[in-house]
């Protein structure tokens, strides 16, 4: 799981935070349960000078990304799932 800080920055981009801040690997118990405590991430705006911003503007959308968690779920013998949970 990984997400932005309270200012809307990932630790690997435009942030003074240490590397891998707000990123983690978690394991479930025998019943598939896990627990995580973290901050609520902020929405953020992507660069206005790139192809994604151009595409979003072309379809009438803005460049603000809602607050969300990025999650990768893995289990041996199963296809990996990469998803996001939005607030």
PDB file of N, CA and C in Angstrom:
ATOM      1  N   UNK A   1       0.848  -1.160   0.000  1.00  0.00           N
ATOM      2  CA  UNK A   1       0.000   0.000   0.000  1.00  0.00           C
ATOM      3  C   UNK A   1       0.896   1.227   0.000  1.00  0.00           C
ATOM      4  N   UNK A   2       0.454   2.265  -0.708  1.00  0.00           N
ATOM      5  CA  UNK A   2       1.169   3.532  -0.677  1.00  0.00           C
ATOM      6  C   UNK A   2       0.187   4.659  -0.964  1.00  0.00           C
ATOM      7  N   UNK A   3       0.529   5.852  -0.471  1.00  0.00           N
ATOM      8  CA  UNK A   3      -0.317   7.016  -0.722  1.00  0.00           C
ATOM      9  C   UNK A   3       0.463   8.298  -0.479  1.00  0.00           C
ATOM     10  N   UNK A   4      -0.171   9.426  -0.811  1.00  0.00           N
ATOM     11  CA  UNK A   4       0.474  10.737  -0.655  1.00  0.00           C
ATOM     12  C   UNK A   4       0.404  11.204   0.788  1.00  0.00           C
ATOM     13  N   UNK A   5       1.212  12.225   1.091  1.00  0.00           N
ATOM     14  CA  UNK A   5       1.191  12.809   2.427  1.00  0.00           C
ATOM     15  C   UNK A   5       0.077  13.855   2.525  1.00  0.00           C
ATOM     16  N   UNK A   6       0.017  14.556   3.634  1.00  0.00           N
ATOM     17  CA  UNK A   6      -1.043  15.542   3.869  1.00  0.00           C
ATOM     18  C   UNK A   6      -0.984  16.711   2.883  1.00  0.00           C
ATOM     19  N   UNK A   7       0.170  16.902   2.230  1.00  0.00           N
ATOM     20  CA  UNK A   7       0.315  17.961   1.230  1.00  0.00           C
ATOM     21  C   UNK A   7       0.080  17.462  -0.192  1.00  0.00           C
ATOM     22  N   UNK A   8      -0.260  16.194  -0.337  1.00  0.00           N
ATOM     23  CA  UNK A   8      -0.531  15.645  -1.659  1.00  0.00           C
ATOM     24  C   UNK A   8       0.690  15.213  -2.442  1.00  0.00           C
ATOM     25  N   UNK A   9       1.787  14.888  -1.737  1.00  0.00           N
ATOM     26  CA  UNK A   9       3.025  14.476  -2.411  1.00  0.00           C
ATOM     27  C   UNK A   9       3.396  13.043  -2.034  1.00  0.00           C
ATOM     28  N   UNK A  10       3.853  12.286  -3.024  1.00  0.00           N
ATOM     29  CA  UNK A  10       4.432  10.970  -2.765  1.00  0.00           C
ATOM     30  C   UNK A  10       5.866  11.165  -2.288  1.00  0.00           C
ATOM     31  N   UNK A  11       6.364  10.263  -1.459  1.00  0.00           N
ATOM     32  CA  UNK A  11       7.719  10.409  -0.922  1.00  0.00           C
ATOM     33  C   UNK A  11       8.773  10.386  -2.021  1.00  0.00           C
ATOM     34  N   UNK A  12       8.460   9.818  -3.166  1.00  0.00           N
ATOM     35  CA  UNK A  12       9.436   9.749  -4.255  1.00  0.00           C
ATOM     36  C   UNK A  12       9.346  10.941  -5.208  1.00  0.00           C
ATOM     37  N   UNK A  13       8.386  11.858  -4.976  1.00  0.00           N
ATOM     38  CA  UNK A  13       8.193  13.011  -5.859  1.00  0.00           C
ATOM     39  C   UNK A  13       7.958  14.272  -5.040  1.00  0.00           C
ATOM     40  N   UNK A  14       8.756  15.298  -5.267  1.00  0.00           N
ATOM     41  CA  UNK A  14       8.524  16.622  -4.690  1.00  0.00           C
ATOM     42  C   UNK A  14       8.201  16.602  -3.200  1.00  0.00           C
ATOM     43  N   UNK A  15       8.910  15.810  -2.441  1.00  0.00           N
ATOM     44  CA  UNK A  15       8.635  15.716  -1.012  1.00  0.00           C
ATOM     45  C   UNK A  15       9.941  15.685  -0.235  1.00  0.00           C
ATOM     46  N   UNK A  16       9.922  16.305   0.931  1.00  0.00           N
ATOM     47  CA  UNK A  16      11.090  16.252   1.811  1.00  0.00           C
ATOM     48  C   UNK A  16      11.053  15.014   2.704  1.00  0.00           C
ATOM     49  N   UNK A  17      10.006  14.211   2.564  1.00  0.00           N
ATOM     50  CA  UNK A  17       9.858  13.002   3.385  1.00  0.00           C
ATOM     51  C   UNK A  17      10.937  11.979   3.032  1.00  0.00           C
ATOM     52  N   UNK A  18      11.273  11.121   3.967  1.00  0.00           N
ATOM     53  CA  UNK A  18      12.265  10.084   3.681  1.00  0.00           C
ATOM     54  C   UNK A  18      11.747   9.101   2.628  1.00  0.00           C
ATOM     55  N   UNK A  19      12.662   8.432   1.928  1.00  0.00           N
ATOM     56  CA  UNK A  19      12.240   7.440   0.931  1.00  0.00           C
ATOM     57  C   UNK A  19      11.306   6.401   1.553  1.00  0.00           C
ATOM     58  N   UNK A  20      10.339   5.990   0.805  1.00  0.00           N
ATOM     59  CA  UNK A  20       9.359   4.956   1.190  1.00  0.00           C
ATOM     60  C   UNK A  20       8.442   5.396   2.331  1.00  0.00           C
ATOM     61  N   UNK A  21       8.368   6.697   2.606  1.00  0.00           N
ATOM     62  CA  UNK A  21       7.426   7.198   3.602  1.00  0.00           C
ATOM     63  C   UNK A  21       6.002   6.946   3.103  1.00  0.00           C
ATOM     64  N   UNK A  22       5.116   6.528   3.997  1.00  0.00           N
ATOM     65  CA  UNK A  22       3.718   6.215   3.693  1.00  0.00           C
ATOM     66  C   UNK A  22       3.586   5.097   2.655  1.00  0.00           C
ATOM     67  N   UNK A  23       4.487   4.164   2.729  1.00  0.00           N
ATOM     68  CA  UNK A  23       4.466   2.962   1.892  1.00  0.00           C
ATOM     69  C   UNK A  23       4.714   1.771   2.811  1.00  0.00           C
ATOM     70  N   UNK A  24       4.069   0.683   2.538  1.00  0.00           N
ATOM     71  CA  UNK A  24       4.290  -0.459   3.419  1.00  0.00           C
ATOM     72  C   UNK A  24       3.839  -1.769   2.803  1.00  0.00           C
ATOM     73  N   UNK A  25       4.329  -2.825   3.379  1.00  0.00           N
ATOM     74  CA  UNK A  25       3.950  -4.190   3.005  1.00  0.00           C
ATOM     75  C   UNK A  25       3.332  -4.825   4.237  1.00  0.00           C
ATOM     76  N   UNK A  26       2.174  -5.426   4.064  1.00  0.00           N
ATOM     77  CA  UNK A  26       1.430  -5.984   5.178  1.00  0.00           C
ATOM     78  C   UNK A  26       1.067  -7.426   4.868  1.00  0.00           C
ATOM     79  N   UNK A  27       0.941  -8.209   5.896  1.00  0.00           N
ATOM     80  CA  UNK A  27       0.594  -9.621   5.740  1.00  0.00           C
ATOM     81  C   UNK A  27      -0.681  -9.908   6.519  1.00  0.00           C
ATOM     82  N   UNK A  28      -1.483 -10.809   6.002  1.00  0.00           N
ATOM     83  CA  UNK A  28      -2.734 -11.165   6.671  1.00  0.00           C
ATOM     84  C   UNK A  28      -2.506 -12.285   7.668  1.00  0.00           C
ATOM     85  N   UNK A  29      -3.483 -12.443   8.564  1.00  0.00           N
ATOM     86  CA  UNK A  29      -3.450 -13.594   9.457  1.00  0.00           C
ATOM     87  C   UNK A  29      -4.047 -14.798   8.721  1.00  0.00           C
ATOM     88  N   UNK A  30      -4.230 -15.899   9.423  1.00  0.00           N
ATOM     89  CA  UNK A  30      -4.728 -17.127   8.785  1.00  0.00           C
ATOM     90  C   UNK A  30      -6.147 -16.979   8.237  1.00  0.00           C
ATOM     91  N   UNK A  31      -6.872 -15.935   8.665  1.00  0.00           N
ATOM     92  CA  UNK A  31      -8.233 -15.699   8.172  1.00  0.00           C
ATOM     93  C   UNK A  31      -8.302 -14.612   7.096  1.00  0.00           C
ATOM     94  N   UNK A  32      -7.142 -14.087   6.704  1.00  0.00           N
ATOM     95  CA  UNK A  32      -7.108 -13.053   5.676  1.00  0.00           C
ATOM     96  C   UNK A  32      -7.288 -11.643   6.200  1.00  0.00           C
ATOM     97  N   UNK A  33      -7.269 -11.466   7.520  1.00  0.00           N
ATOM     98  CA  UNK A  33      -7.448 -10.140   8.103  1.00  0.00           C
ATOM     99  C   UNK A  33      -6.106  -9.426   8.275  1.00  0.00           C
ATOM    100  N   UNK A  34      -6.170  -8.110   8.146  1.00  0.00           N
ATOM    101  CA  UNK A  34      -5.004  -7.284   8.440  1.00  0.00           C
ATOM    102  C   UNK A  34      -5.496  -5.935   8.944  1.00  0.00           C
ATOM    103  N   UNK A  35      -4.606  -5.196   9.570  1.00  0.00           N
ATOM    104  CA  UNK A  35      -4.960  -3.894  10.109  1.00  0.00           C
ATOM    105  C   UNK A  35      -3.839  -2.918   9.813  1.00  0.00           C
ATOM    106  N   UNK A  36      -4.210  -1.710   9.399  1.00  0.00           N
ATOM    107  CA  UNK A  36      -3.240  -0.675   9.057  1.00  0.00           C
ATOM    108  C   UNK A  36      -3.689   0.628   9.700  1.00  0.00           C
ATOM    109  N   UNK A  37      -2.751   1.364  10.256  1.00  0.00           N
ATOM    110  CA  UNK A  37      -3.042   2.696  10.762  1.00  0.00           C
ATOM    111  C   UNK A  37      -2.162   3.684  10.023  1.00  0.00           C
ATOM    112  N   UNK A  38      -2.770   4.702   9.416  1.00  0.00           N
ATOM    113  CA  UNK A  38      -2.032   5.684   8.639  1.00  0.00           C
ATOM    114  C   UNK A  38      -2.789   7.005   8.651  1.00  0.00           C
ATOM    115  N   UNK A  39      -2.276   8.000   7.960  1.00  0.00           N
ATOM    116  CA  UNK A  39      -2.981   9.278   7.836  1.00  0.00           C
ATOM    117  C   UNK A  39      -3.998   9.171   6.704  1.00  0.00           C
ATOM    118  N   UNK A  40      -4.918  10.116   6.657  1.00  0.00           N
ATOM    119  CA  UNK A  40      -5.836  10.202   5.517  1.00  0.00           C
ATOM    120  C   UNK A  40      -5.104  10.986   4.432  1.00  0.00           C
ATOM    121  N   UNK A  41      -4.918  10.387   3.257  1.00  0.00           N
ATOM    122  CA  UNK A  41      -4.207  11.099   2.202  1.00  0.00           C
ATOM    123  C   UNK A  41      -5.033  12.275   1.663  1.00  0.00           C
ATOM    124  N   UNK A  42      -4.343  13.225   1.059  1.00  0.00           N
ATOM    125  CA  UNK A  42      -4.996  14.402   0.485  1.00  0.00           C
ATOM    126  C   UNK A  42      -5.227  14.219  -1.009  1.00  0.00           C
ATOM    127  N   UNK A  43      -6.217  14.917  -1.547  1.00  0.00           N
ATOM    128  CA  UNK A  43      -6.313  14.985  -3.013  1.00  0.00           C
ATOM    129  C   UNK A  43      -5.085  15.740  -3.525  1.00  0.00           C
ATOM    130  N   UNK A  44      -4.758  15.564  -4.780  1.00  0.00           N
ATOM    131  CA  UNK A  44      -3.634  16.306  -5.345  1.00  0.00           C
ATOM    132  C   UNK A  44      -3.883  16.604  -6.811  1.00  0.00           C
ATOM    133  N   UNK A  45      -3.135  17.549  -7.335  1.00  0.00           N
ATOM    134  CA  UNK A  45      -3.270  17.957  -8.734  1.00  0.00           C
ATOM    135  C   UNK A  45      -2.057  17.474  -9.506  1.00  0.00           C
ATOM    136  N   UNK A  46      -2.307  16.853 -10.646  1.00  0.00           N
ATOM    137  CA  UNK A  46      -1.199  16.418 -11.494  1.00  0.00           C
ATOM    138  C   UNK A  46      -0.666  17.614 -12.278  1.00  0.00           C
ATOM    139  N   UNK A  47       0.496  17.450 -12.863  1.00  0.00           N
ATOM    140  CA  UNK A  47       1.123  18.510 -13.652  1.00  0.00           C
ATOM    141  C   UNK A  47       0.209  18.934 -14.797  1.00  0.00           C
ATOM    142  N   UNK A  48       0.112  20.232 -15.011  1.00  0.00           N
ATOM    143  CA  UNK A  48      -0.693  20.773 -16.124  1.00  0.00           C
ATOM    144  C   UNK A  48       0.061  20.704 -17.448  1.00  0.00           C
ATOM    145  N   UNK A  49       1.321  20.267 -17.421  1.00  0.00           N
ATOM    146  CA  UNK A  49       2.161  20.299 -18.617  1.00  0.00           C
ATOM    147  C   UNK A  49       2.441  18.926 -19.212  1.00  0.00           C
ATOM    148  N   UNK A  50       1.555  17.982 -19.010  1.00  0.00           N
ATOM    149  CA  UNK A  50       1.828  16.646 -19.537  1.00  0.00           C
ATOM    150  C   UNK A  50       0.683  16.104 -20.367  1.00  0.00           C
ATOM    151  N   UNK A  51       0.901  14.933 -20.960  1.00  0.00           N
ATOM    152  CA  UNK A  51      -0.128  14.338 -21.814  1.00  0.00           C
ATOM    153  C   UNK A  51      -1.398  13.939 -21.069  1.00  0.00           C
ATOM    154  N   UNK A  52      -1.274  13.547 -19.789  1.00  0.00           N
ATOM    155  CA  UNK A  52      -2.470  13.183 -19.040  1.00  0.00           C
ATOM    156  C   UNK A  52      -3.350  14.408 -18.809  1.00  0.00           C
ATOM    157  N   UNK A  53      -2.748  15.542 -18.458  1.00  0.00           N
ATOM    158  CA  UNK A  53      -3.516  16.773 -18.274  1.00  0.00           C
ATOM    159  C   UNK A  53      -4.193  17.175 -19.585  1.00  0.00           C
ATOM    160  N   UNK A  54      -3.480  17.038 -20.674  1.00  0.00           N
ATOM    161  CA  UNK A  54      -4.052  17.368 -21.985  1.00  0.00           C
ATOM    162  C   UNK A  54      -5.268  16.489 -22.284  1.00  0.00           C
ATOM    163  N   UNK A  55      -5.150  15.202 -22.020  1.00  0.00           N
ATOM    164  CA  UNK A  55      -6.267  14.276 -22.240  1.00  0.00           C
ATOM    165  C   UNK A  55      -7.455  14.626 -21.343  1.00  0.00           C
ATOM    166  N   UNK A  56      -7.192  14.870 -20.055  1.00  0.00           N
ATOM    167  CA  UNK A  56      -8.275  15.202 -19.127  1.00  0.00           C
ATOM    168  C   UNK A  56      -8.997  16.481 -19.548  1.00  0.00           C
ATOM    169  N   UNK A  57      -8.248  17.490 -19.955  1.00  0.00           N
ATOM    170  CA  UNK A  57      -8.868  18.739 -20.398  1.00  0.00           C
ATOM    171  C   UNK A  57      -9.685  18.512 -21.676  1.00  0.00           C
ATOM    172  N   UNK A  58      -9.190  17.664 -22.569  1.00  0.00           N
ATOM    173  CA  UNK A  58      -9.887  17.387 -23.831  1.00  0.00           C
ATOM    174  C   UNK A  58     -11.251  16.743 -23.609  1.00  0.00           C
ATOM    175  N   UNK A  59     -11.386  15.987 -22.516  1.00  0.00           N
ATOM    176  CA  UNK A  59     -12.671  15.341 -22.225  1.00  0.00           C
ATOM    177  C   UNK A  59     -13.453  16.093 -21.145  1.00  0.00           C
ATOM    178  N   UNK A  60     -13.033  17.334 -20.857  1.00  0.00           N
ATOM    179  CA  UNK A  60     -13.771  18.174 -19.937  1.00  0.00           C
ATOM    180  C   UNK A  60     -13.576  17.862 -18.469  1.00  0.00           C
ATOM    181  N   UNK A  61     -12.465  17.226 -18.119  1.00  0.00           N
ATOM    182  CA  UNK A  61     -12.182  16.888 -16.715  1.00  0.00           C
ATOM    183  C   UNK A  61     -11.078  17.780 -16.177  1.00  0.00           C
ATOM    184  N   UNK A  62     -11.032  17.924 -14.853  1.00  0.00           N
ATOM    185  CA  UNK A  62      -9.946  18.692 -14.251  1.00  0.00           C
ATOM    186  C   UNK A  62      -8.804  17.747 -13.874  1.00  0.00           C
ATOM    187  N   UNK A  63      -7.737  18.320 -13.368  1.00  0.00           N
ATOM    188  CA  UNK A  63      -6.524  17.533 -13.094  1.00  0.00           C
ATOM    189  C   UNK A  63      -6.346  17.205 -11.613  1.00  0.00           C
ATOM    190  N   UNK A  64      -7.400  17.343 -10.824  1.00  0.00           N
ATOM    191  CA  UNK A  64      -7.334  16.991  -9.408  1.00  0.00           C
ATOM    192  C   UNK A  64      -7.661  15.518  -9.221  1.00  0.00           C
ATOM    193  N   UNK A  65      -6.782  14.811  -8.545  1.00  0.00           N
ATOM    194  CA  UNK A  65      -6.969  13.393  -8.253  1.00  0.00           C
ATOM    195  C   UNK A  65      -7.545  13.280  -6.845  1.00  0.00           C
ATOM    196  N   UNK A  66      -8.686  12.613  -6.678  1.00  0.00           N
ATOM    197  CA  UNK A  66      -9.271  12.483  -5.335  1.00  0.00           C
ATOM    198  C   UNK A  66      -8.342  11.711  -4.389  1.00  0.00           C
ATOM    199  N   UNK A  67      -8.524  11.934  -3.087  1.00  0.00           N
ATOM    200  CA  UNK A  67      -7.748  11.209  -2.075  1.00  0.00           C
ATOM    201  C   UNK A  67      -7.976   9.709  -2.246  1.00  0.00           C
ATOM    202  N   UNK A  68      -6.891   8.936  -2.173  1.00  0.00           N
ATOM    203  CA  UNK A  68      -7.014   7.486  -2.363  1.00  0.00           C
ATOM    204  C   UNK A  68      -5.799   6.745  -1.817  1.00  0.00           C
ATOM    205  N   UNK A  69      -5.974   5.459  -1.629  1.00  0.00           N
ATOM    206  CA  UNK A  69      -4.889   4.526  -1.300  1.00  0.00           C
ATOM    207  C   UNK A  69      -4.614   3.681  -2.529  1.00  0.00           C
ATOM    208  N   UNK A  70      -3.351   3.430  -2.818  1.00  0.00           N
ATOM    209  CA  UNK A  70      -2.947   2.500  -3.870  1.00  0.00           C
ATOM    210  C   UNK A  70      -2.630   1.174  -3.195  1.00  0.00           C
ATOM    211  N   UNK A  71      -3.151   0.090  -3.745  1.00  0.00           N
ATOM    212  CA  UNK A  71      -2.992  -1.212  -3.102  1.00  0.00           C
ATOM    213  C   UNK A  71      -2.646  -2.277  -4.141  1.00  0.00           C
ATOM    214  N   UNK A  72      -1.695  -3.123  -3.794  1.00  0.00           N
ATOM    215  CA  UNK A  72      -1.378  -4.317  -4.584  1.00  0.00           C
ATOM    216  C   UNK A  72      -1.662  -5.517  -3.695  1.00  0.00           C
ATOM    217  N   UNK A  73      -2.484  -6.425  -4.184  1.00  0.00           N
ATOM    218  CA  UNK A  73      -2.811  -7.647  -3.444  1.00  0.00           C
ATOM    219  C   UNK A  73      -2.181  -8.833  -4.167  1.00  0.00           C
ATOM    220  N   UNK A  74      -1.412  -9.628  -3.428  1.00  0.00           N
ATOM    221  CA  UNK A  74      -0.720 -10.778  -4.014  1.00  0.00           C
ATOM    222  C   UNK A  74      -0.949 -12.022  -3.175  1.00  0.00           C
ATOM    223  N   UNK A  75      -1.089 -13.141  -3.866  1.00  0.00           N
ATOM    224  CA  UNK A  75      -1.121 -14.434  -3.197  1.00  0.00           C
ATOM    225  C   UNK A  75      -0.604 -15.468  -4.191  1.00  0.00           C
ATOM    226  N   UNK A  76       0.257 -16.317  -3.721  1.00  0.00           N
ATOM    227  CA  UNK A  76       0.833 -17.341  -4.576  1.00  0.00           C
ATOM    228  C   UNK A  76      -0.293 -18.172  -5.205  1.00  0.00           C
ATOM    229  N   UNK A  77      -0.199 -18.374  -6.505  1.00  0.00           N
ATOM    230  CA  UNK A  77      -1.198 -19.156  -7.217  1.00  0.00           C
ATOM    231  C   UNK A  77      -2.360 -18.336  -7.751  1.00  0.00           C
ATOM    232  N   UNK A  78      -2.363 -17.019  -7.477  1.00  0.00           N
ATOM    233  CA  UNK A  78      -3.443 -16.142  -7.926  1.00  0.00           C
ATOM    234  C   UNK A  78      -2.862 -14.982  -8.727  1.00  0.00           C
ATOM    235  N   UNK A  79      -3.680 -14.387  -9.572  1.00  0.00           N
ATOM    236  CA  UNK A  79      -3.276 -13.223 -10.336  1.00  0.00           C
ATOM    237  C   UNK A  79      -3.154 -12.022  -9.385  1.00  0.00           C
ATOM    238  N   UNK A  80      -2.123 -11.213  -9.560  1.00  0.00           N
ATOM    239  CA  UNK A  80      -1.927 -10.016  -8.743  1.00  0.00           C
ATOM    240  C   UNK A  80      -2.978  -8.973  -9.098  1.00  0.00           C
ATOM    241  N   UNK A  81      -3.526  -8.313  -8.080  1.00  0.00           N
ATOM    242  CA  UNK A  81      -4.516  -7.254  -8.276  1.00  0.00           C
ATOM    243  C   UNK A  81      -3.909  -5.932  -7.830  1.00  0.00           C
ATOM    244  N   UNK A  82      -3.919  -4.948  -8.714  1.00  0.00           N
ATOM    245  CA  UNK A  82      -3.485  -3.587  -8.389  1.00  0.00           C
ATOM    246  C   UNK A  82      -4.723  -2.717  -8.464  1.00  0.00           C
ATOM    247  N   UNK A  83      -5.028  -2.001  -7.384  1.00  0.00           N
ATOM    248  CA  UNK A  83      -6.267  -1.208  -7.348  1.00  0.00           C
ATOM    249  C   UNK A  83      -6.087   0.039  -6.511  1.00  0.00           C
ATOM    250  N   UNK A  84      -7.126   0.843  -6.450  1.00  0.00           N
ATOM    251  CA  UNK A  84      -7.141   2.045  -5.638  1.00  0.00           C
ATOM    252  C   UNK A  84      -8.445   2.101  -4.854  1.00  0.00           C
ATOM    253  N   UNK A  85      -8.375   2.633  -3.641  1.00  0.00           N
ATOM    254  CA  UNK A  85      -9.566   2.854  -2.821  1.00  0.00           C
ATOM    255  C   UNK A  85      -9.681   4.358  -2.642  1.00  0.00           C
ATOM    256  N   UNK A  86     -10.775   4.933  -3.156  1.00  0.00           N
ATOM    257  CA  UNK A  86     -10.970   6.384  -3.126  1.00  0.00           C
ATOM    258  C   UNK A  86     -11.839   6.795  -1.949  1.00  0.00           C
ATOM    259  N   UNK A  87     -11.607   8.019  -1.453  1.00  0.00           N
ATOM    260  CA  UNK A  87     -12.392   8.587  -0.361  1.00  0.00           C
ATOM    261  C   UNK A  87     -13.302   9.659  -0.903  1.00  0.00           C
TER     262      UNK A  87
END
